[in-house]
N, C-alpha and C. Protein backbone atom coordinates (compact mmCIF):
# COMPACT_ATOMS: atom_id res chain seq x y z
N MET A 1 90.51 99.70 84.60
CA MET A 1 89.96 99.92 86.10
C MET A 1 90.24 101.49 86.19
N GLY A 2 88.73 102.28 86.68
CA GLY A 2 89.36 103.61 86.44
C GLY A 2 90.48 104.17 87.16
N LEU A 3 90.47 103.63 88.32
CA LEU A 3 91.59 103.55 89.21
C LEU A 3 93.28 104.00 88.75
N ASP A 4 93.12 103.18 87.26
CA ASP A 4 94.73 103.21 87.24
C ASP A 4 94.96 104.43 86.07
N ASP A 5 93.53 104.29 85.68
CA ASP A 5 93.53 106.05 84.65
C ASP A 5 93.87 107.02 85.64
N ILE A 6 92.95 107.23 86.86
CA ILE A 6 92.99 108.02 87.36
C ILE A 6 94.40 108.31 88.26
N LEU A 7 95.13 107.70 88.53
CA LEU A 7 96.72 107.54 89.02
C LEU A 7 97.52 107.96 88.11
N ARG A 8 97.12 107.13 86.88
CA ARG A 8 98.20 108.00 85.60
C ARG A 8 97.83 109.37 85.45
N ARG A 9 97.19 109.78 85.61
CA ARG A 9 96.58 111.43 85.53
C ARG A 9 97.19 112.00 86.53
N ILE A 10 96.70 111.85 87.49
CA ILE A 10 97.51 112.56 88.61
C ILE A 10 98.88 112.24 88.56
N ARG A 11 99.83 111.52 88.37
CA ARG A 11 101.16 111.80 87.98
C ARG A 11 101.78 112.59 87.08
N ASN A 12 101.11 112.79 85.72
CA ASN A 12 100.97 113.53 85.03
C ASN A 12 100.91 115.09 85.37
N ALA A 13 99.90 115.04 86.22
CA ALA A 13 99.57 116.50 86.54
C ALA A 13 100.65 116.84 87.62
N GLU A 14 101.19 116.25 88.15
CA GLU A 14 102.23 116.30 89.05
C GLU A 14 103.88 116.72 88.57
N ALA A 15 103.52 116.21 87.29
CA ALA A 15 105.27 116.20 86.69
C ALA A 15 104.82 117.53 86.04
N ALA A 16 103.20 118.19 85.53
CA ALA A 16 103.07 119.26 84.85
C ALA A 16 103.44 120.64 85.50
N ALA A 17 103.25 120.23 86.62
CA ALA A 17 102.86 121.15 87.66
C ALA A 17 104.93 121.33 88.73
N GLY A 18 105.65 120.88 87.81
CA GLY A 18 106.79 120.26 88.39
C GLY A 18 107.00 120.03 89.67
N ARG A 19 106.21 119.14 90.57
CA ARG A 19 105.92 118.62 91.89
C ARG A 19 106.38 117.06 91.83
N PRO A 20 106.70 116.75 93.34
CA PRO A 20 107.62 115.47 93.05
C PRO A 20 106.20 114.41 92.64
N ALA A 21 106.52 113.32 92.13
CA ALA A 21 105.89 112.09 92.06
C ALA A 21 105.33 111.75 93.63
N GLY A 22 103.80 111.39 93.57
CA GLY A 22 103.33 111.09 94.89
C GLY A 22 103.26 111.94 96.05
N SER A 23 103.15 113.43 95.25
CA SER A 23 102.91 114.68 96.64
C SER A 23 101.66 114.70 96.65
N VAL A 24 100.91 114.12 96.00
CA VAL A 24 98.98 114.45 95.81
C VAL A 24 98.73 113.25 96.39
N THR A 25 97.93 112.88 97.41
CA THR A 25 97.07 111.95 98.31
C THR A 25 95.81 111.26 97.27
N LEU A 26 95.55 110.61 96.94
CA LEU A 26 94.08 110.50 95.73
C LEU A 26 93.48 109.62 97.10
N ILE A 27 92.09 110.33 97.46
CA ILE A 27 91.34 109.69 98.36
C ILE A 27 90.07 109.18 97.32
N ALA A 28 89.89 107.95 97.75
CA ALA A 28 88.65 107.06 96.45
C ALA A 28 87.66 107.52 97.15
N VAL A 29 86.29 108.23 96.52
CA VAL A 29 84.99 108.59 97.46
C VAL A 29 84.10 107.34 97.41
N SER A 30 84.04 106.25 98.13
CA SER A 30 83.36 105.39 98.48
C SER A 30 82.09 105.66 98.77
N LYS A 31 81.47 106.84 98.81
CA LYS A 31 80.05 106.56 99.68
C LYS A 31 78.93 106.15 98.86
N LEU A 32 77.97 105.49 99.11
CA LEU A 32 76.89 105.05 98.37
C LEU A 32 77.76 104.20 97.28
N GLN A 33 78.76 103.54 97.44
CA GLN A 33 79.05 102.85 96.23
C GLN A 33 78.73 101.58 96.75
N PRO A 34 78.38 99.99 95.33
CA PRO A 34 78.02 98.81 96.08
C PRO A 34 79.35 98.14 96.61
N ALA A 35 79.46 97.37 97.31
CA ALA A 35 80.11 96.68 98.05
C ALA A 35 81.16 96.31 96.87
N ALA A 36 80.70 95.73 95.91
CA ALA A 36 81.76 94.62 95.24
C ALA A 36 82.78 96.11 94.16
N GLN A 37 82.16 97.40 94.25
CA GLN A 37 82.84 98.05 93.41
C GLN A 37 83.88 98.49 94.61
N VAL A 38 83.78 98.69 95.70
CA VAL A 38 84.56 99.32 96.87
C VAL A 38 85.58 98.12 96.83
N GLU A 39 85.50 96.98 96.75
CA GLU A 39 86.44 95.95 97.26
C GLU A 39 87.14 95.49 95.87
N ALA A 40 87.04 95.64 94.77
CA ALA A 40 87.70 95.84 94.02
C ALA A 40 88.64 96.50 94.00
N VAL A 41 88.16 97.82 94.35
CA VAL A 41 89.40 98.79 94.38
C VAL A 41 90.34 98.22 95.41
N LEU A 42 90.39 98.08 96.46
CA LEU A 42 90.64 97.33 97.44
C LEU A 42 91.48 96.71 96.93
N ASP A 43 90.95 96.19 96.44
CA ASP A 43 91.82 94.62 95.72
C ASP A 43 93.02 94.91 94.99
N HIS A 44 92.72 96.28 94.30
CA HIS A 44 93.67 96.95 93.21
C HIS A 44 94.65 97.42 94.29
N GLY A 45 94.82 97.72 95.18
CA GLY A 45 95.98 98.46 96.00
C GLY A 45 95.65 99.95 96.86
N GLN A 46 94.47 100.30 96.13
CA GLN A 46 93.92 101.60 96.63
C GLN A 46 93.79 101.34 98.32
N ARG A 47 94.38 102.67 99.17
CA ARG A 47 94.16 102.13 100.73
C ARG A 47 93.67 103.59 101.43
N VAL A 48 93.35 104.62 100.91
CA VAL A 48 92.73 106.03 101.15
C VAL A 48 91.47 105.94 100.51
N PHE A 49 90.62 106.18 101.25
CA PHE A 49 89.35 106.07 101.26
C PHE A 49 88.33 107.54 101.92
N GLY A 50 87.22 107.99 101.11
CA GLY A 50 86.53 109.08 101.47
C GLY A 50 84.97 108.89 101.95
N GLU A 51 84.65 109.07 103.06
CA GLU A 51 82.78 108.89 103.09
C GLU A 51 82.39 110.22 103.62
N ASN A 52 81.50 110.41 103.50
CA ASN A 52 80.50 111.63 103.52
C ASN A 52 79.31 111.35 105.03
N TYR A 53 79.23 110.35 104.86
CA TYR A 53 77.89 109.99 106.26
C TYR A 53 78.59 108.96 107.22
N VAL A 54 78.62 109.65 108.49
CA VAL A 54 79.32 108.50 109.54
C VAL A 54 78.10 107.10 109.74
N GLN A 55 77.20 107.31 109.75
CA GLN A 55 76.66 106.07 109.99
C GLN A 55 76.74 104.87 108.52
N GLU A 56 76.88 105.18 107.59
CA GLU A 56 77.21 104.58 106.54
C GLU A 56 78.48 103.84 106.86
N ALA A 57 79.26 104.57 106.91
CA ALA A 57 80.62 104.14 107.06
C ALA A 57 81.05 103.41 108.39
N GLN A 58 79.97 103.82 109.34
CA GLN A 58 80.00 102.52 110.15
C GLN A 58 79.39 101.18 110.08
N GLY A 59 78.84 101.26 109.63
CA GLY A 59 78.06 99.97 108.55
C GLY A 59 79.43 98.91 107.77
N LYS A 60 80.22 99.61 107.29
CA LYS A 60 81.01 98.79 106.27
C LYS A 60 82.39 98.82 106.35
N TRP A 61 82.88 99.65 107.11
CA TRP A 61 84.25 100.25 107.02
C TRP A 61 85.62 99.13 108.47
N PRO A 62 84.76 99.11 109.17
CA PRO A 62 85.12 98.31 110.33
C PRO A 62 86.17 96.63 109.79
N ASP A 63 84.84 96.29 108.79
CA ASP A 63 85.05 94.71 108.15
C ASP A 63 85.85 95.53 107.27
N TRP A 64 85.61 95.99 106.26
CA TRP A 64 86.84 96.10 105.39
C TRP A 64 88.46 96.27 105.64
N ALA A 65 88.33 97.58 106.64
CA ALA A 65 90.01 97.38 107.61
C ALA A 65 90.45 96.24 107.91
N ALA A 66 89.51 95.34 108.16
CA ALA A 66 90.59 94.41 108.87
C ALA A 66 90.52 93.10 107.98
N ARG A 67 90.01 93.50 106.94
CA ARG A 67 90.68 92.77 105.84
C ARG A 67 91.17 93.27 104.81
N TRP A 68 91.31 94.83 104.54
CA TRP A 68 92.78 94.57 104.17
C TRP A 68 93.20 96.28 104.56
N PRO A 69 94.22 95.42 105.71
CA PRO A 69 95.15 96.41 106.50
C PRO A 69 95.70 97.46 105.92
N GLY A 70 95.94 98.55 106.58
CA GLY A 70 96.52 100.16 105.79
C GLY A 70 95.52 100.95 105.39
N VAL A 71 94.08 100.55 105.79
CA VAL A 71 92.76 101.44 105.07
C VAL A 71 93.22 102.89 105.96
N SER A 72 92.85 104.10 105.11
CA SER A 72 93.11 105.15 105.84
C SER A 72 91.99 105.81 105.69
N LEU A 73 90.62 106.20 106.76
CA LEU A 73 89.50 106.56 106.32
C LEU A 73 89.05 108.13 106.41
N HIS A 74 88.62 108.82 105.47
CA HIS A 74 88.56 110.50 105.63
C HIS A 74 87.11 110.50 105.87
N LEU A 75 86.61 111.65 106.40
CA LEU A 75 85.33 112.02 106.29
C LEU A 75 85.18 112.96 105.72
N ILE A 76 84.57 113.32 104.61
CA ILE A 76 85.07 114.31 103.45
C ILE A 76 83.52 115.24 103.43
N GLY A 77 82.19 114.56 104.36
CA GLY A 77 81.29 115.15 104.29
C GLY A 77 80.81 116.04 105.73
N PRO A 78 80.09 117.13 105.52
CA PRO A 78 79.27 117.76 106.83
C PRO A 78 79.22 117.02 107.91
N LEU A 79 79.45 117.65 108.94
CA LEU A 79 79.34 116.61 110.08
C LEU A 79 78.57 117.22 111.07
N GLN A 80 77.26 116.55 111.85
CA GLN A 80 76.57 116.95 112.73
C GLN A 80 77.77 116.37 114.36
N SER A 81 77.58 117.78 115.25
CA SER A 81 78.30 117.64 116.67
C SER A 81 77.96 116.74 117.03
N ASN A 82 76.57 116.17 116.79
CA ASN A 82 76.28 114.97 118.05
C ASN A 82 77.13 113.54 116.95
N LYS A 83 77.47 113.86 115.95
CA LYS A 83 78.50 112.65 115.94
C LYS A 83 79.82 112.55 115.76
N ALA A 84 80.33 113.68 116.55
CA ALA A 84 81.60 113.94 116.76
C ALA A 84 82.82 112.61 117.22
N ARG A 85 82.00 112.40 118.28
CA ARG A 85 82.24 111.35 119.19
C ARG A 85 83.13 109.79 117.99
N ALA A 86 81.83 109.53 117.56
CA ALA A 86 81.73 108.55 116.66
C ALA A 86 82.57 108.51 115.44
N ALA A 87 82.89 109.83 114.82
CA ALA A 87 83.61 110.44 113.59
C ALA A 87 85.31 110.33 114.50
N VAL A 88 85.28 110.75 115.51
CA VAL A 88 86.82 110.56 116.27
C VAL A 88 87.28 109.35 116.70
N GLN A 89 85.92 108.42 116.38
CA GLN A 89 86.49 106.98 116.44
C GLN A 89 86.52 106.24 115.38
N LEU A 90 86.40 106.30 114.41
CA LEU A 90 86.37 105.73 113.29
C LEU A 90 87.38 106.50 112.05
N PHE A 91 87.54 107.78 112.02
CA PHE A 91 88.03 108.07 110.63
C PHE A 91 89.58 108.82 111.39
N ASP A 92 90.49 108.97 110.49
CA ASP A 92 91.56 108.81 110.33
C ASP A 92 92.00 110.42 110.43
N ALA A 93 90.92 110.76 109.54
CA ALA A 93 91.35 112.49 109.03
C ALA A 93 89.88 112.65 108.79
N ILE A 94 89.84 113.98 109.24
CA ILE A 94 88.05 114.78 109.18
C ILE A 94 88.52 115.73 108.41
N HIS A 95 87.68 116.19 107.43
CA HIS A 95 88.02 117.26 106.13
C HIS A 95 86.99 118.61 106.47
N SER A 96 85.98 118.18 107.38
CA SER A 96 84.55 119.23 107.11
C SER A 96 84.64 119.69 108.62
N VAL A 97 85.78 120.77 109.26
CA VAL A 97 85.53 121.19 110.43
C VAL A 97 85.45 123.12 109.80
N ASP A 98 84.12 123.25 110.53
CA ASP A 98 83.95 124.25 109.76
C ASP A 98 83.31 125.60 111.06
N ARG A 99 82.90 124.77 112.28
CA ARG A 99 82.68 125.55 113.45
C ARG A 99 83.09 125.54 114.50
N LEU A 100 83.37 126.70 115.41
CA LEU A 100 83.86 126.52 116.64
C LEU A 100 83.17 125.05 117.69
N SER A 101 81.75 125.07 117.44
CA SER A 101 80.99 124.30 118.41
C SER A 101 81.95 122.64 117.75
N LEU A 102 81.83 122.40 116.43
CA LEU A 102 82.41 121.32 116.41
C LEU A 102 83.40 121.22 116.36
N ALA A 103 84.45 121.61 115.81
CA ALA A 103 86.15 121.82 116.86
C ALA A 103 85.98 121.61 118.19
N SER A 104 85.37 122.00 118.93
CA SER A 104 85.52 122.03 120.55
C SER A 104 84.83 120.79 120.73
N ARG A 105 83.56 119.61 120.36
CA ARG A 105 83.80 119.01 119.96
C ARG A 105 84.30 117.62 119.93
N LEU A 106 85.13 118.10 118.63
CA LEU A 106 86.12 116.39 118.41
C LEU A 106 87.08 116.91 118.97
N ALA A 107 87.44 118.06 120.03
CA ALA A 107 89.11 117.87 120.56
C ALA A 107 88.45 117.14 121.95
N ARG A 108 87.16 117.49 122.39
CA ARG A 108 86.77 116.70 123.40
C ARG A 108 87.27 115.20 123.46
N ALA A 109 86.78 114.94 122.34
CA ALA A 109 86.17 113.96 121.96
C ALA A 109 87.93 112.61 121.75
N ALA A 110 88.60 113.13 121.00
CA ALA A 110 89.60 113.35 120.78
C ALA A 110 90.77 112.62 122.13
N GLN A 111 90.57 113.84 122.89
CA GLN A 111 90.92 113.58 124.47
C GLN A 111 91.17 112.31 125.00
N GLU A 112 89.71 112.07 125.35
CA GLU A 112 88.93 110.96 125.74
C GLU A 112 89.09 109.81 125.19
N LEU A 113 89.45 109.82 123.95
CA LEU A 113 89.25 108.68 123.74
C LEU A 113 90.80 108.44 123.01
N GLY A 114 91.65 109.36 123.47
CA GLY A 114 93.16 109.32 123.46
C GLY A 114 93.42 108.66 121.51
N LEU A 115 92.71 109.41 120.50
CA LEU A 115 93.04 109.88 119.68
C LEU A 115 93.15 111.20 118.62
N ALA A 116 93.84 110.99 117.47
CA ALA A 116 93.88 112.58 117.14
C ALA A 116 94.28 112.21 115.82
N PRO A 117 92.64 112.62 115.17
CA PRO A 117 92.05 112.70 113.49
C PRO A 117 93.13 113.87 113.18
N ARG A 118 93.53 113.90 112.04
CA ARG A 118 94.16 114.97 111.79
C ARG A 118 92.86 115.76 111.05
N ILE A 119 93.20 117.16 110.92
CA ILE A 119 91.92 117.80 111.24
C ILE A 119 91.98 118.82 109.68
N PHE A 120 91.25 118.58 108.72
CA PHE A 120 91.00 120.06 107.91
C PHE A 120 89.79 120.88 108.32
N VAL A 121 90.13 122.66 108.12
CA VAL A 121 88.85 123.42 107.69
C VAL A 121 88.73 123.57 106.67
N GLN A 122 87.05 123.34 106.46
CA GLN A 122 86.60 123.41 105.40
C GLN A 122 85.89 124.95 104.89
N VAL A 123 86.66 125.65 103.91
CA VAL A 123 86.40 126.98 103.81
C VAL A 123 85.04 126.87 102.64
N ASN A 124 83.81 127.64 102.87
CA ASN A 124 83.31 127.99 101.90
C ASN A 124 83.63 129.04 100.42
N THR A 125 84.40 128.97 100.08
CA THR A 125 84.91 129.73 98.95
C THR A 125 84.47 130.68 98.07
N GLY A 126 82.71 129.73 97.73
CA GLY A 126 82.11 130.83 96.96
C GLY A 126 80.88 131.29 97.81
N ALA A 127 81.19 131.13 98.85
CA ALA A 127 80.17 132.04 99.88
C ALA A 127 78.46 131.40 99.60
N GLU A 128 78.66 130.05 99.36
CA GLU A 128 77.14 129.82 98.79
C GLU A 128 76.41 128.92 100.33
N PRO A 129 75.11 129.94 100.62
CA PRO A 129 74.56 129.57 101.64
C PRO A 129 74.15 128.11 101.77
N GLN A 130 73.78 127.55 100.74
CA GLN A 130 73.76 125.70 100.75
C GLN A 130 74.64 124.95 100.71
N LYS A 131 75.96 125.82 101.07
CA LYS A 131 76.96 124.52 101.36
C LYS A 131 77.64 124.75 102.80
N ALA A 132 78.09 123.92 103.24
CA ALA A 132 78.79 123.48 104.81
C ALA A 132 80.01 124.61 104.20
N GLY A 133 80.89 124.73 105.62
CA GLY A 133 82.02 125.66 105.23
C GLY A 133 81.90 126.93 106.14
N VAL A 134 83.34 127.02 107.10
CA VAL A 134 83.65 128.51 106.99
C VAL A 134 83.54 129.94 106.14
N ALA A 135 83.01 130.99 106.39
CA ALA A 135 83.14 131.99 105.24
C ALA A 135 85.00 132.21 105.49
N PRO A 136 85.36 132.48 104.14
CA PRO A 136 87.00 132.96 103.78
C PRO A 136 87.59 133.88 104.53
N ASP A 137 86.11 135.13 105.13
CA ASP A 137 87.35 135.93 106.06
C ASP A 137 87.23 135.62 107.80
N GLU A 138 86.57 134.32 108.11
CA GLU A 138 86.53 134.10 109.13
C GLU A 138 87.22 132.81 109.78
N ALA A 139 87.85 132.56 108.37
CA ALA A 139 88.79 130.83 108.31
C ALA A 139 90.23 131.37 109.12
N ASP A 140 90.66 132.60 109.33
CA ASP A 140 91.90 132.64 109.99
C ASP A 140 91.46 132.50 111.64
N ALA A 141 90.14 132.67 112.00
CA ALA A 141 89.72 132.75 113.49
C ALA A 141 89.55 131.05 114.08
N LEU A 142 88.87 130.78 112.79
CA LEU A 142 88.58 129.55 112.86
C LEU A 142 90.03 128.12 113.29
N ILE A 143 90.81 128.68 112.30
CA ILE A 143 91.98 127.73 112.58
C ILE A 143 92.87 128.24 113.73
N ASP A 144 92.55 129.75 114.08
CA ASP A 144 93.32 129.75 115.42
C ASP A 144 92.55 129.00 116.33
N ALA A 145 91.52 128.93 116.43
CA ALA A 145 90.85 128.38 117.86
C ALA A 145 90.99 126.08 117.45
N CYS A 146 91.20 125.71 116.19
CA CYS A 146 91.33 124.67 116.55
C CYS A 146 92.81 124.18 117.21
N ARG A 147 94.05 125.58 117.09
CA ARG A 147 95.25 125.18 117.34
C ARG A 147 95.17 125.20 118.66
N ASP A 148 94.23 126.30 119.35
CA ASP A 148 94.20 126.41 120.72
C ASP A 148 93.32 125.39 121.07
N LEU A 149 92.57 124.66 120.81
CA LEU A 149 92.21 123.40 121.08
C LEU A 149 92.82 122.10 120.98
N GLY A 150 94.23 122.05 120.72
CA GLY A 150 95.03 121.13 120.71
C GLY A 150 94.88 120.26 119.75
N LEU A 151 93.81 120.40 118.41
CA LEU A 151 93.37 119.47 117.30
C LEU A 151 94.70 119.18 116.19
N ASP A 152 94.80 118.41 115.35
CA ASP A 152 95.73 118.36 115.04
C ASP A 152 95.88 118.28 113.18
N LEU A 153 95.89 119.98 112.83
CA LEU A 153 95.51 120.58 112.29
C LEU A 153 96.03 120.24 110.94
N GLN A 154 95.81 119.73 109.90
CA GLN A 154 96.30 119.72 108.62
C GLN A 154 96.57 120.47 107.51
N GLY A 155 95.24 121.18 107.55
CA GLY A 155 95.10 122.03 106.30
C GLY A 155 93.99 122.55 106.42
N CYS A 156 93.42 122.33 104.80
CA CYS A 156 92.08 123.34 104.49
C CYS A 156 91.50 122.55 103.77
N MET A 157 90.13 122.45 103.44
CA MET A 157 89.18 121.77 102.26
C MET A 157 88.69 122.68 101.71
N CYS A 158 87.77 122.91 100.13
CA CYS A 158 86.97 123.62 99.87
C CYS A 158 86.34 122.56 98.84
N ILE A 159 85.23 122.83 98.25
CA ILE A 159 84.48 122.50 97.51
C ILE A 159 83.60 123.61 96.23
N PRO A 160 84.36 124.18 95.22
CA PRO A 160 84.06 125.49 94.56
C PRO A 160 82.70 124.95 94.30
N PRO A 161 81.75 126.42 93.84
CA PRO A 161 80.52 126.00 93.09
C PRO A 161 80.54 125.63 91.79
N ASP A 162 79.12 124.77 91.52
CA ASP A 162 79.75 123.90 89.97
C ASP A 162 79.37 125.22 89.04
N ASP A 163 79.77 124.79 87.71
CA ASP A 163 79.79 125.45 86.79
C ASP A 163 80.41 126.65 86.60
N THR A 164 81.49 126.84 87.71
CA THR A 164 82.58 128.08 87.30
C THR A 164 83.48 127.60 87.51
N ASP A 165 84.75 128.76 87.32
CA ASP A 165 86.30 128.19 87.16
C ASP A 165 86.44 127.64 88.62
N PRO A 166 86.88 126.51 88.72
CA PRO A 166 87.53 126.41 90.42
C PRO A 166 89.09 127.31 90.66
N ARG A 167 89.34 127.88 89.76
CA ARG A 167 90.94 127.92 90.27
C ARG A 167 91.09 129.09 90.68
N PRO A 168 90.41 130.32 90.61
CA PRO A 168 90.26 131.23 91.49
C PRO A 168 89.91 130.58 92.90
N HIS A 169 88.99 129.80 93.37
CA HIS A 169 88.35 128.56 94.63
C HIS A 169 89.92 127.82 95.05
N PHE A 170 90.34 127.45 94.42
CA PHE A 170 91.83 126.64 94.27
C PHE A 170 92.70 127.70 94.97
N SER A 171 93.12 128.76 94.65
CA SER A 171 94.00 129.90 94.70
C SER A 171 93.75 130.55 95.81
N LEU A 172 92.27 130.88 96.11
CA LEU A 172 91.86 131.13 97.26
C LEU A 172 92.53 130.40 98.79
N LEU A 173 92.03 129.34 98.85
CA LEU A 173 92.13 128.06 99.66
C LEU A 173 93.91 127.83 99.75
N ARG A 174 94.79 128.04 98.48
CA ARG A 174 95.84 128.04 99.36
C ARG A 174 96.13 129.19 99.87
N GLN A 175 95.66 130.55 99.75
CA GLN A 175 96.68 131.72 100.42
C GLN A 175 95.79 131.70 101.70
N ILE A 176 94.75 131.33 102.05
CA ILE A 176 94.11 131.37 103.23
C ILE A 176 95.07 129.99 104.03
N ALA A 177 95.45 128.78 103.38
CA ALA A 177 96.38 127.69 104.24
C ALA A 177 97.80 128.73 104.31
N GLY A 178 98.28 129.09 103.52
CA GLY A 178 99.61 129.63 103.54
C GLY A 178 99.96 130.51 104.73
N ARG A 179 99.10 131.44 104.53
CA ARG A 179 98.89 132.58 105.68
C ARG A 179 98.97 132.07 107.37
N ASN A 180 98.41 131.17 107.09
CA ASN A 180 98.35 130.28 108.19
C ASN A 180 99.41 128.79 109.06
N GLY A 181 100.48 128.89 107.91
CA GLY A 181 101.06 127.60 107.88
C GLY A 181 100.59 126.16 107.95
N LEU A 182 99.65 126.26 107.02
CA LEU A 182 99.10 125.05 106.78
C LEU A 182 99.35 124.35 104.96
N SER A 183 100.31 123.19 105.42
CA SER A 183 100.60 122.85 104.08
C SER A 183 99.67 121.91 103.37
N GLY A 184 98.59 121.22 104.03
CA GLY A 184 97.57 120.62 103.41
C GLY A 184 96.35 121.15 102.55
N LEU A 185 96.20 120.56 101.04
CA LEU A 185 94.79 121.43 100.93
C LEU A 185 94.07 120.19 99.86
N SER A 186 93.24 120.12 100.77
CA SER A 186 92.07 119.47 100.54
C SER A 186 91.18 119.38 98.85
N MET A 187 91.24 119.41 97.96
CA MET A 187 90.52 120.63 96.94
C MET A 187 91.14 119.49 95.85
N GLY A 188 90.29 119.66 94.90
CA GLY A 188 89.73 118.92 93.40
C GLY A 188 88.71 117.61 93.74
N MET A 189 88.30 117.39 92.60
CA MET A 189 87.38 115.88 92.69
C MET A 189 87.62 115.68 90.93
N SER A 190 86.16 114.40 90.62
CA SER A 190 86.74 114.34 89.80
C SER A 190 86.82 115.30 88.66
N GLY A 191 86.15 116.34 87.88
CA GLY A 191 86.06 117.09 87.08
C GLY A 191 87.08 118.08 86.95
N ASP A 192 87.79 118.27 88.08
CA ASP A 192 88.49 119.42 88.24
C ASP A 192 90.11 119.28 89.36
N PHE A 193 90.28 118.01 89.73
CA PHE A 193 91.52 117.52 90.12
C PHE A 193 92.93 118.12 89.28
N GLU A 194 93.14 118.08 87.67
CA GLU A 194 94.28 117.98 87.62
C GLU A 194 94.22 119.84 87.85
N ALA A 195 92.87 120.67 87.43
CA ALA A 195 93.34 121.70 87.96
C ALA A 195 94.02 122.14 89.43
N ALA A 196 93.09 121.51 90.45
CA ALA A 196 93.70 121.72 91.62
C ALA A 196 95.39 121.12 92.28
N ILE A 197 95.64 120.53 91.14
CA ILE A 197 97.01 119.72 91.37
C ILE A 197 97.95 121.33 90.80
N ALA A 198 97.52 121.61 89.85
CA ALA A 198 98.37 122.94 89.67
C ALA A 198 98.44 123.41 90.58
N GLU A 199 97.69 123.75 91.35
CA GLU A 199 97.39 125.06 92.72
C GLU A 199 97.98 124.53 93.86
N GLY A 200 98.19 123.46 94.01
CA GLY A 200 98.90 123.01 95.23
C GLY A 200 98.30 121.93 95.94
N ALA A 201 97.01 121.37 95.64
CA ALA A 201 96.33 120.44 96.07
C ALA A 201 97.17 118.94 96.93
N THR A 202 97.01 118.72 98.06
CA THR A 202 97.77 117.31 98.42
C THR A 202 97.33 116.36 98.81
N HIS A 203 95.73 116.51 98.41
CA HIS A 203 94.70 115.64 98.50
C HIS A 203 93.64 116.01 97.49
N VAL A 204 93.01 115.16 96.96
CA VAL A 204 92.23 114.84 95.92
C VAL A 204 91.18 114.00 96.00
N ARG A 205 89.75 114.48 96.31
CA ARG A 205 88.62 113.22 96.37
C ARG A 205 87.97 113.10 94.91
N ILE A 206 88.13 111.83 94.52
CA ILE A 206 87.87 111.67 93.55
C ILE A 206 86.83 110.46 93.75
N GLY A 207 85.27 110.22 92.99
CA GLY A 207 85.00 109.11 93.23
C GLY A 207 83.79 108.65 91.76
N SER A 208 83.04 109.55 91.26
CA SER A 208 82.51 108.79 90.10
C SER A 208 84.07 108.13 89.21
N ALA A 209 85.00 109.45 89.04
CA ALA A 209 85.57 108.92 87.84
C ALA A 209 86.62 107.39 88.06
N ILE A 210 86.53 107.12 89.40
CA ILE A 210 86.95 105.95 89.69
C ILE A 210 85.95 104.33 89.60
N PHE A 211 84.59 104.85 90.33
CA PHE A 211 83.49 103.86 90.49
C PHE A 211 82.47 103.69 89.46
N GLY A 212 82.53 105.41 88.87
CA GLY A 212 81.34 105.12 88.51
C GLY A 212 80.14 106.11 88.68
N ALA A 213 79.09 106.23 88.32
CA ALA A 213 77.98 107.01 88.57
C ALA A 213 77.48 105.92 89.50
N ARG A 214 77.37 107.11 91.11
CA ARG A 214 77.09 106.03 92.14
C ARG A 214 75.09 105.89 92.31
N PRO A 215 74.82 104.99 92.68
CA PRO A 215 72.89 105.25 93.19
C PRO A 215 72.80 105.93 93.60
N PRO A 216 71.57 106.61 93.88
CA PRO A 216 70.77 107.75 94.90
C PRO A 216 70.98 107.05 96.09
N ARG A 217 70.99 107.75 97.02
CA ARG A 217 71.01 107.34 98.38
C ARG A 217 69.46 107.61 99.07
N ALA A 218 69.27 106.33 99.47
CA ALA A 218 68.39 105.56 100.10
C ALA A 218 67.37 106.14 100.96
């Protein structure tokens, strides 16, 4: 199974970086994957999963979480403000907070529901217009605002541009998180997670290397 290979590579990358074993959390990205594929990974012991779409996750994870206790569900895709309440109800962590209006909606929903999902501020380290994320020079202000709102702020997240060296982007995210006193670094995917671990990633988001190529979204 791809999961065993990925776990081995994560442990090797931790050791190569001089980091303790188990210091990196694997988020298995299950978006759009067939149910049988996800259930096989659940049976194998994986309990932390990432989804991109609130509505898709609502349709499958309540049942799976009941059948496999201990599941921790992370939202890693862009979040529309009108889905903030649903996201707070369903997800243990939200990695894609990139604007004050969304942070405010999440804080309001969390207070009303008595829940406190862990929050990561998404930074658009490559300043790509088509990609979500706060601009690097505006990240500090958004982090301060999230704290003022009482959110359970854990760290920062990024998705480096395709076909570029990801290390400068990982390093930039580490610097932003570090100067703001944040320890969480959600960075690294199937093609670059070992480089991310070398740069300090605490959470890596891996889909295709575990499940294989996913089918197109309907």
